Amino acid sequence: MVGTDRVGADRSAVPEGPGDAVDASTSAGTPTPAEALVERHVSAFNAKDLDALLADFTEDARWVTGDYAVPAGGLRDFFGQAMSAVLPTLTVVRVIDGGESVVAEMTEEWTYEGVVKSAALLAVFDLEEGRIARAKIYREGSADA
């Protein structure tokens, strides 16, 4: 696990309809496929493993952070450049599994000029066949959040 707190372990009252979001967990604590995807994504990001990070994206995936949208086909360059710069460490707080739409609440921590900084963020992932087709990142302290 990547620091995930599972909430709402009793799934006896889980909504069944489309768009009904639920906290990602089972009574046995087994991660849902969406939660496992987020955990793989965050682990690869933290390890600076570009190939593992990109493996869970669709070929035409879109990534938006604030008001910046990564150009089509540009995820390798975008994440490669990010991984060579100051890269925060992400920690998953919780994952809310809405089926084809998944929200991950996370914290990020980084050091800048010797000072440790942190921020909360939300990532909204739209999935297609179990892979990330679109991601929108909302960061605390951003005018776009």
N, C-alpha and C. Protein backbone atom coordinates (compact mmCIF):
# COMPACT_ATOMS: atom_id res chain seq x y z
N MET A 1 0.82 -1.18 0.00
CA MET A 1 0.00 0.00 0.00
C MET A 1 0.87 1.24 0.00
N VAL A 2 0.32 2.31 -0.50
CA VAL A 2 1.01 3.58 -0.56
C VAL A 2 0.34 4.53 0.41
N GLY A 3 0.35 4.21 1.69
CA GLY A 3 -0.22 5.07 2.70
C GLY A 3 -1.72 5.27 2.60
N THR A 4 -2.42 4.27 2.13
CA THR A 4 -3.85 4.43 1.93
C THR A 4 -4.62 4.13 3.20
N ASP A 5 -5.51 5.04 3.58
CA ASP A 5 -6.47 4.78 4.64
C ASP A 5 -7.75 4.36 3.95
N ARG A 6 -8.26 3.20 4.27
CA ARG A 6 -9.52 2.77 3.68
C ARG A 6 -10.65 3.18 4.60
N VAL A 7 -11.65 3.75 4.00
CA VAL A 7 -12.80 4.25 4.75
C VAL A 7 -14.03 3.52 4.26
N GLY A 8 -14.99 3.31 5.13
CA GLY A 8 -16.25 2.72 4.70
C GLY A 8 -16.11 1.27 4.32
N ALA A 9 -15.49 0.47 5.16
CA ALA A 9 -15.21 -0.92 4.83
C ALA A 9 -16.45 -1.78 4.68
N ASP A 10 -17.57 -1.38 5.26
CA ASP A 10 -18.79 -2.15 5.11
C ASP A 10 -19.41 -1.84 3.76
N ARG A 11 -19.34 -2.79 2.83
CA ARG A 11 -19.84 -2.57 1.49
C ARG A 11 -21.24 -3.14 1.31
N SER A 12 -21.91 -3.48 2.39
CA SER A 12 -23.25 -4.05 2.27
C SER A 12 -24.24 -3.02 1.72
N ALA A 13 -23.94 -1.74 1.88
CA ALA A 13 -24.85 -0.69 1.40
C ALA A 13 -24.25 0.07 0.22
N VAL A 14 -23.39 -0.60 -0.54
CA VAL A 14 -22.73 0.04 -1.67
C VAL A 14 -23.74 0.35 -2.76
N PRO A 15 -23.80 1.60 -3.23
CA PRO A 15 -24.70 1.93 -4.34
C PRO A 15 -24.31 1.15 -5.59
N GLU A 16 -25.29 0.73 -6.35
CA GLU A 16 -25.05 -0.09 -7.53
C GLU A 16 -25.14 0.69 -8.82
N GLY A 17 -25.76 1.85 -8.81
CA GLY A 17 -26.02 2.59 -10.05
C GLY A 17 -24.80 3.30 -10.59
N PRO A 18 -24.83 3.66 -11.88
CA PRO A 18 -23.73 4.38 -12.48
C PRO A 18 -23.57 5.74 -11.81
N GLY A 19 -22.31 6.13 -11.60
CA GLY A 19 -22.03 7.42 -11.00
C GLY A 19 -22.16 7.45 -9.49
N ASP A 20 -22.53 6.33 -8.87
CA ASP A 20 -22.63 6.28 -7.42
C ASP A 20 -21.24 6.03 -6.86
N ALA A 21 -20.62 7.05 -6.30
CA ALA A 21 -19.26 6.93 -5.79
C ALA A 21 -19.28 6.24 -4.43
N VAL A 22 -18.28 5.43 -4.19
CA VAL A 22 -18.11 4.77 -2.90
C VAL A 22 -16.64 4.81 -2.55
N ASP A 23 -16.34 4.74 -1.26
CA ASP A 23 -14.96 4.63 -0.86
C ASP A 23 -14.43 3.28 -1.30
N ALA A 24 -13.20 3.28 -1.80
CA ALA A 24 -12.62 2.08 -2.39
C ALA A 24 -12.06 1.16 -1.31
N SER A 25 -12.77 0.11 -1.01
CA SER A 25 -12.29 -0.92 -0.09
C SER A 25 -13.30 -2.04 -0.07
N THR A 26 -12.89 -3.14 0.50
CA THR A 26 -13.82 -4.23 0.75
C THR A 26 -13.74 -4.56 2.22
N SER A 27 -14.69 -5.33 2.70
CA SER A 27 -14.67 -5.65 4.13
C SER A 27 -13.41 -6.42 4.50
N ALA A 28 -12.80 -7.12 3.55
CA ALA A 28 -11.57 -7.86 3.82
C ALA A 28 -10.34 -6.97 3.63
N GLY A 29 -10.53 -5.72 3.19
CA GLY A 29 -9.40 -4.83 3.00
C GLY A 29 -8.69 -5.02 1.68
N THR A 30 -9.26 -5.77 0.77
CA THR A 30 -8.65 -6.00 -0.54
C THR A 30 -8.88 -4.78 -1.41
N PRO A 31 -7.81 -4.25 -2.03
CA PRO A 31 -8.00 -3.07 -2.89
C PRO A 31 -8.87 -3.39 -4.10
N THR A 32 -9.68 -2.44 -4.48
CA THR A 32 -10.44 -2.56 -5.72
C THR A 32 -9.46 -2.39 -6.88
N PRO A 33 -9.84 -2.78 -8.11
CA PRO A 33 -8.95 -2.54 -9.25
C PRO A 33 -8.58 -1.07 -9.41
N ALA A 34 -9.53 -0.17 -9.16
CA ALA A 34 -9.24 1.26 -9.28
C ALA A 34 -8.24 1.71 -8.22
N GLU A 35 -8.41 1.23 -7.00
CA GLU A 35 -7.47 1.59 -5.93
C GLU A 35 -6.08 1.04 -6.25
N ALA A 36 -6.01 -0.18 -6.75
CA ALA A 36 -4.72 -0.77 -7.12
C ALA A 36 -4.05 0.04 -8.23
N LEU A 37 -4.85 0.52 -9.18
CA LEU A 37 -4.32 1.35 -10.26
C LEU A 37 -3.71 2.63 -9.70
N VAL A 38 -4.42 3.31 -8.82
CA VAL A 38 -3.91 4.54 -8.22
C VAL A 38 -2.63 4.26 -7.44
N GLU A 39 -2.62 3.18 -6.68
CA GLU A 39 -1.44 2.84 -5.89
C GLU A 39 -0.24 2.55 -6.80
N ARG A 40 -0.45 1.83 -7.91
CA ARG A 40 0.64 1.58 -8.88
C ARG A 40 1.15 2.89 -9.46
N HIS A 41 0.20 3.76 -9.83
CA HIS A 41 0.54 5.05 -10.43
C HIS A 41 1.40 5.88 -9.47
N VAL A 42 0.98 5.99 -8.22
CA VAL A 42 1.70 6.77 -7.23
C VAL A 42 3.06 6.14 -6.91
N SER A 43 3.11 4.82 -6.80
CA SER A 43 4.39 4.14 -6.54
C SER A 43 5.38 4.39 -7.66
N ALA A 44 4.91 4.29 -8.91
CA ALA A 44 5.79 4.52 -10.06
C ALA A 44 6.26 5.98 -10.09
N PHE A 45 5.35 6.91 -9.80
CA PHE A 45 5.70 8.33 -9.75
C PHE A 45 6.78 8.57 -8.70
N ASN A 46 6.56 8.06 -7.49
CA ASN A 46 7.52 8.27 -6.40
C ASN A 46 8.87 7.62 -6.70
N ALA A 47 8.87 6.50 -7.42
CA ALA A 47 10.11 5.79 -7.76
C ALA A 47 10.77 6.36 -9.02
N LYS A 48 10.14 7.35 -9.65
CA LYS A 48 10.62 7.92 -10.91
C LYS A 48 10.77 6.84 -11.99
N ASP A 49 9.83 5.90 -12.00
CA ASP A 49 9.82 4.80 -12.97
C ASP A 49 8.87 5.19 -14.10
N LEU A 50 9.41 5.86 -15.10
CA LEU A 50 8.59 6.42 -16.18
C LEU A 50 7.83 5.35 -16.95
N ASP A 51 8.47 4.24 -17.26
CA ASP A 51 7.79 3.18 -18.01
C ASP A 51 6.62 2.60 -17.23
N ALA A 52 6.82 2.35 -15.94
CA ALA A 52 5.73 1.81 -15.11
C ALA A 52 4.61 2.84 -14.98
N LEU A 53 4.97 4.11 -14.85
CA LEU A 53 3.96 5.16 -14.74
C LEU A 53 3.09 5.21 -15.99
N LEU A 54 3.72 5.16 -17.15
CA LEU A 54 2.98 5.29 -18.41
C LEU A 54 2.20 4.04 -18.79
N ALA A 55 2.54 2.90 -18.20
CA ALA A 55 1.88 1.63 -18.56
C ALA A 55 0.38 1.64 -18.27
N ASP A 56 -0.06 2.45 -17.31
CA ASP A 56 -1.47 2.47 -16.94
C ASP A 56 -2.27 3.57 -17.63
N PHE A 57 -1.67 4.21 -18.64
CA PHE A 57 -2.38 5.23 -19.41
C PHE A 57 -2.81 4.65 -20.75
N THR A 58 -3.95 5.13 -21.26
CA THR A 58 -4.35 4.80 -22.63
C THR A 58 -3.40 5.53 -23.59
N GLU A 59 -3.38 5.09 -24.83
CA GLU A 59 -2.50 5.70 -25.83
C GLU A 59 -2.78 7.19 -26.02
N ASP A 60 -4.04 7.60 -25.92
CA ASP A 60 -4.41 8.98 -26.18
C ASP A 60 -4.82 9.72 -24.89
N ALA A 61 -4.25 9.29 -23.77
CA ALA A 61 -4.61 9.87 -22.47
C ALA A 61 -4.33 11.37 -22.42
N ARG A 62 -5.19 12.06 -21.68
CA ARG A 62 -5.05 13.50 -21.47
C ARG A 62 -4.75 13.76 -20.00
N TRP A 63 -3.88 14.73 -19.73
CA TRP A 63 -3.49 15.09 -18.37
C TRP A 63 -3.59 16.60 -18.24
N VAL A 64 -4.33 17.06 -17.24
CA VAL A 64 -4.50 18.49 -17.02
C VAL A 64 -4.14 18.79 -15.56
N THR A 65 -3.23 19.75 -15.40
CA THR A 65 -2.85 20.24 -14.07
C THR A 65 -3.09 21.73 -14.07
N GLY A 66 -4.01 22.17 -13.22
CA GLY A 66 -4.35 23.59 -13.22
C GLY A 66 -4.93 23.96 -14.57
N ASP A 67 -4.33 24.95 -15.21
CA ASP A 67 -4.82 25.33 -16.54
C ASP A 67 -3.91 24.82 -17.65
N TYR A 68 -2.96 23.95 -17.30
CA TYR A 68 -2.05 23.39 -18.30
C TYR A 68 -2.51 21.99 -18.71
N ALA A 69 -2.70 21.81 -20.01
CA ALA A 69 -3.05 20.50 -20.56
C ALA A 69 -1.85 19.97 -21.32
N VAL A 70 -1.43 18.76 -21.00
CA VAL A 70 -0.32 18.13 -21.72
C VAL A 70 -0.78 17.86 -23.15
N PRO A 71 0.02 18.26 -24.13
CA PRO A 71 -0.36 18.01 -25.53
C PRO A 71 -0.52 16.51 -25.81
N ALA A 72 -1.38 16.18 -26.76
CA ALA A 72 -1.60 14.77 -27.15
C ALA A 72 -0.26 14.10 -27.44
N GLY A 73 -0.08 12.91 -26.88
CA GLY A 73 1.15 12.16 -27.07
C GLY A 73 2.33 12.68 -26.28
N GLY A 74 2.10 13.64 -25.38
CA GLY A 74 3.21 14.27 -24.66
C GLY A 74 3.45 13.82 -23.25
N LEU A 75 2.78 12.75 -22.81
CA LEU A 75 2.95 12.33 -21.41
C LEU A 75 4.38 11.90 -21.09
N ARG A 76 5.05 11.19 -22.00
CA ARG A 76 6.41 10.74 -21.72
C ARG A 76 7.32 11.95 -21.49
N ASP A 77 7.24 12.94 -22.36
CA ASP A 77 8.07 14.14 -22.19
C ASP A 77 7.70 14.90 -20.92
N PHE A 78 6.40 15.05 -20.68
CA PHE A 78 5.93 15.79 -19.51
C PHE A 78 6.44 15.16 -18.21
N PHE A 79 6.20 13.85 -18.05
CA PHE A 79 6.62 13.20 -16.81
C PHE A 79 8.13 13.02 -16.75
N GLY A 80 8.78 12.82 -17.90
CA GLY A 80 10.25 12.70 -17.92
C GLY A 80 10.90 13.98 -17.43
N GLN A 81 10.40 15.13 -17.90
CA GLN A 81 10.94 16.41 -17.45
C GLN A 81 10.63 16.63 -15.97
N ALA A 82 9.42 16.27 -15.56
CA ALA A 82 9.05 16.43 -14.15
C ALA A 82 9.94 15.59 -13.25
N MET A 83 10.27 14.39 -13.70
CA MET A 83 11.07 13.49 -12.87
C MET A 83 12.54 13.93 -12.80
N SER A 84 12.98 14.76 -13.73
CA SER A 84 14.35 15.25 -13.67
C SER A 84 14.46 16.55 -12.87
N ALA A 85 13.32 17.14 -12.53
CA ALA A 85 13.29 18.37 -11.74
C ALA A 85 12.99 18.02 -10.28
N VAL A 86 12.62 19.03 -9.51
CA VAL A 86 12.21 18.79 -8.13
C VAL A 86 10.90 18.01 -8.17
N LEU A 87 10.94 16.82 -7.67
CA LEU A 87 9.77 15.95 -7.74
C LEU A 87 9.22 15.71 -6.34
N PRO A 88 7.95 15.99 -6.13
CA PRO A 88 7.37 15.74 -4.81
C PRO A 88 7.16 14.24 -4.59
N THR A 89 7.01 13.89 -3.34
CA THR A 89 6.61 12.54 -2.98
C THR A 89 5.11 12.59 -2.70
N LEU A 90 4.38 11.69 -3.33
CA LEU A 90 2.93 11.63 -3.15
C LEU A 90 2.58 10.55 -2.14
N THR A 91 1.56 10.81 -1.34
CA THR A 91 1.00 9.83 -0.41
C THR A 91 -0.50 9.80 -0.61
N VAL A 92 -1.03 8.61 -0.84
CA VAL A 92 -2.47 8.46 -1.02
C VAL A 92 -3.14 8.51 0.35
N VAL A 93 -4.13 9.37 0.49
CA VAL A 93 -4.93 9.45 1.70
C VAL A 93 -6.12 8.51 1.58
N ARG A 94 -6.83 8.62 0.44
CA ARG A 94 -7.94 7.70 0.18
C ARG A 94 -8.28 7.75 -1.30
N VAL A 95 -8.96 6.71 -1.72
CA VAL A 95 -9.42 6.58 -3.10
C VAL A 95 -10.92 6.38 -3.06
N ILE A 96 -11.64 7.14 -3.87
CA ILE A 96 -13.08 6.98 -3.98
C ILE A 96 -13.34 6.42 -5.36
N ASP A 97 -13.86 5.21 -5.39
CA ASP A 97 -14.04 4.46 -6.63
C ASP A 97 -15.46 4.66 -7.13
N GLY A 98 -15.58 5.38 -8.22
CA GLY A 98 -16.88 5.60 -8.84
C GLY A 98 -17.03 4.81 -10.12
N GLY A 99 -16.30 3.71 -10.24
CA GLY A 99 -16.36 2.90 -11.45
C GLY A 99 -15.40 3.42 -12.49
N GLU A 100 -15.95 4.08 -13.51
CA GLU A 100 -15.10 4.62 -14.58
C GLU A 100 -14.50 5.98 -14.23
N SER A 101 -14.90 6.54 -13.10
CA SER A 101 -14.31 7.78 -12.59
C SER A 101 -13.85 7.53 -11.17
N VAL A 102 -12.60 7.90 -10.90
CA VAL A 102 -11.98 7.61 -9.61
C VAL A 102 -11.35 8.89 -9.10
N VAL A 103 -11.52 9.16 -7.81
CA VAL A 103 -10.90 10.33 -7.19
C VAL A 103 -9.90 9.84 -6.16
N ALA A 104 -8.70 10.40 -6.22
CA ALA A 104 -7.67 10.08 -5.23
C ALA A 104 -7.33 11.36 -4.47
N GLU A 105 -7.52 11.30 -3.16
CA GLU A 105 -7.09 12.39 -2.30
C GLU A 105 -5.67 12.07 -1.87
N MET A 106 -4.76 13.01 -2.07
CA MET A 106 -3.35 12.76 -1.78
C MET A 106 -2.72 13.97 -1.10
N THR A 107 -1.55 13.75 -0.55
CA THR A 107 -0.69 14.84 -0.12
C THR A 107 0.60 14.73 -0.92
N GLU A 108 1.21 15.87 -1.16
CA GLU A 108 2.51 15.88 -1.80
C GLU A 108 3.46 16.63 -0.89
N GLU A 109 4.70 16.16 -0.86
CA GLU A 109 5.71 16.80 -0.03
C GLU A 109 6.97 16.95 -0.86
N TRP A 110 7.62 18.10 -0.75
CA TRP A 110 8.84 18.35 -1.49
C TRP A 110 9.71 19.29 -0.66
N THR A 111 10.98 19.38 -1.04
CA THR A 111 11.91 20.28 -0.37
C THR A 111 12.37 21.32 -1.38
N TYR A 112 12.26 22.56 -0.98
CA TYR A 112 12.70 23.67 -1.83
C TYR A 112 13.59 24.58 -1.01
N GLU A 113 14.84 24.74 -1.46
CA GLU A 113 15.82 25.57 -0.77
C GLU A 113 15.93 25.18 0.70
N GLY A 114 15.93 23.87 0.96
CA GLY A 114 16.11 23.36 2.30
C GLY A 114 14.87 23.36 3.17
N VAL A 115 13.75 23.84 2.65
CA VAL A 115 12.52 23.90 3.42
C VAL A 115 11.54 22.85 2.91
N VAL A 116 11.06 22.00 3.83
CA VAL A 116 10.08 20.98 3.46
C VAL A 116 8.72 21.65 3.33
N LYS A 117 8.06 21.39 2.22
CA LYS A 117 6.74 21.95 1.96
C LYS A 117 5.77 20.82 1.66
N SER A 118 4.49 21.10 1.85
CA SER A 118 3.48 20.08 1.52
C SER A 118 2.20 20.76 1.07
N ALA A 119 1.40 20.00 0.35
CA ALA A 119 0.10 20.48 -0.13
C ALA A 119 -0.82 19.29 -0.30
N ALA A 120 -2.10 19.57 -0.20
CA ALA A 120 -3.11 18.55 -0.48
C ALA A 120 -3.47 18.65 -1.95
N LEU A 121 -3.83 17.51 -2.53
CA LEU A 121 -4.30 17.53 -3.91
C LEU A 121 -5.34 16.45 -4.13
N LEU A 122 -6.15 16.69 -5.15
CA LEU A 122 -7.13 15.70 -5.61
C LEU A 122 -6.80 15.40 -7.06
N ALA A 123 -6.87 14.13 -7.41
CA ALA A 123 -6.70 13.70 -8.80
C ALA A 123 -7.99 13.00 -9.20
N VAL A 124 -8.57 13.45 -10.28
CA VAL A 124 -9.77 12.82 -10.82
C VAL A 124 -9.33 12.06 -12.06
N PHE A 125 -9.50 10.74 -12.03
CA PHE A 125 -9.10 9.88 -13.14
C PHE A 125 -10.34 9.33 -13.83
N ASP A 126 -10.41 9.49 -15.13
CA ASP A 126 -11.43 8.83 -15.94
C ASP A 126 -10.77 7.62 -16.56
N LEU A 127 -11.38 6.46 -16.37
CA LEU A 127 -10.78 5.21 -16.82
C LEU A 127 -11.49 4.66 -18.05
N GLU A 128 -10.72 3.98 -18.89
CA GLU A 128 -11.25 3.22 -20.01
C GLU A 128 -10.55 1.86 -19.98
N GLU A 129 -11.35 0.82 -19.84
CA GLU A 129 -10.82 -0.54 -19.79
C GLU A 129 -9.69 -0.68 -18.77
N GLY A 130 -9.88 -0.04 -17.60
CA GLY A 130 -8.94 -0.18 -16.50
C GLY A 130 -7.68 0.65 -16.61
N ARG A 131 -7.62 1.56 -17.58
CA ARG A 131 -6.45 2.42 -17.75
C ARG A 131 -6.88 3.89 -17.67
N ILE A 132 -5.95 4.76 -17.34
CA ILE A 132 -6.24 6.18 -17.21
C ILE A 132 -6.35 6.80 -18.60
N ALA A 133 -7.53 7.34 -18.90
CA ALA A 133 -7.77 8.01 -20.19
C ALA A 133 -7.69 9.53 -20.03
N ARG A 134 -8.02 10.01 -18.84
CA ARG A 134 -7.98 11.45 -18.58
C ARG A 134 -7.72 11.65 -17.09
N ALA A 135 -6.89 12.63 -16.79
CA ALA A 135 -6.64 12.99 -15.40
C ALA A 135 -6.69 14.50 -15.26
N LYS A 136 -7.33 14.96 -14.20
CA LYS A 136 -7.39 16.38 -13.86
C LYS A 136 -6.92 16.50 -12.42
N ILE A 137 -5.89 17.35 -12.21
CA ILE A 137 -5.28 17.50 -10.89
C ILE A 137 -5.69 18.84 -10.29
N TYR A 138 -6.17 18.80 -9.05
CA TYR A 138 -6.54 20.01 -8.31
C TYR A 138 -5.61 20.10 -7.10
N ARG A 139 -4.84 21.18 -7.01
CA ARG A 139 -3.84 21.33 -5.96
C ARG A 139 -4.25 22.43 -5.00
N GLU A 140 -4.14 22.16 -3.70
CA GLU A 140 -4.41 23.17 -2.66
C GLU A 140 -3.50 24.36 -2.87
N GLY A 141 -4.08 25.55 -2.73
CA GLY A 141 -3.29 26.75 -2.88
C GLY A 141 -3.23 27.24 -4.32
N SER A 142 -3.78 26.48 -5.25
CA SER A 142 -3.81 26.88 -6.65
C SER A 142 -5.09 27.63 -6.92
N ALA A 143 -5.01 28.60 -7.80
CA ALA A 143 -6.22 29.33 -8.19
C ALA A 143 -7.17 28.42 -8.95
N ASP A 144 -6.67 27.29 -9.43
CA ASP A 144 -7.49 26.36 -10.19
C ASP A 144 -8.15 25.30 -9.33
N ALA A 145 -7.84 25.29 -8.05
CA ALA A 145 -8.38 24.23 -7.18
C ALA A 145 -9.77 24.57 -6.72
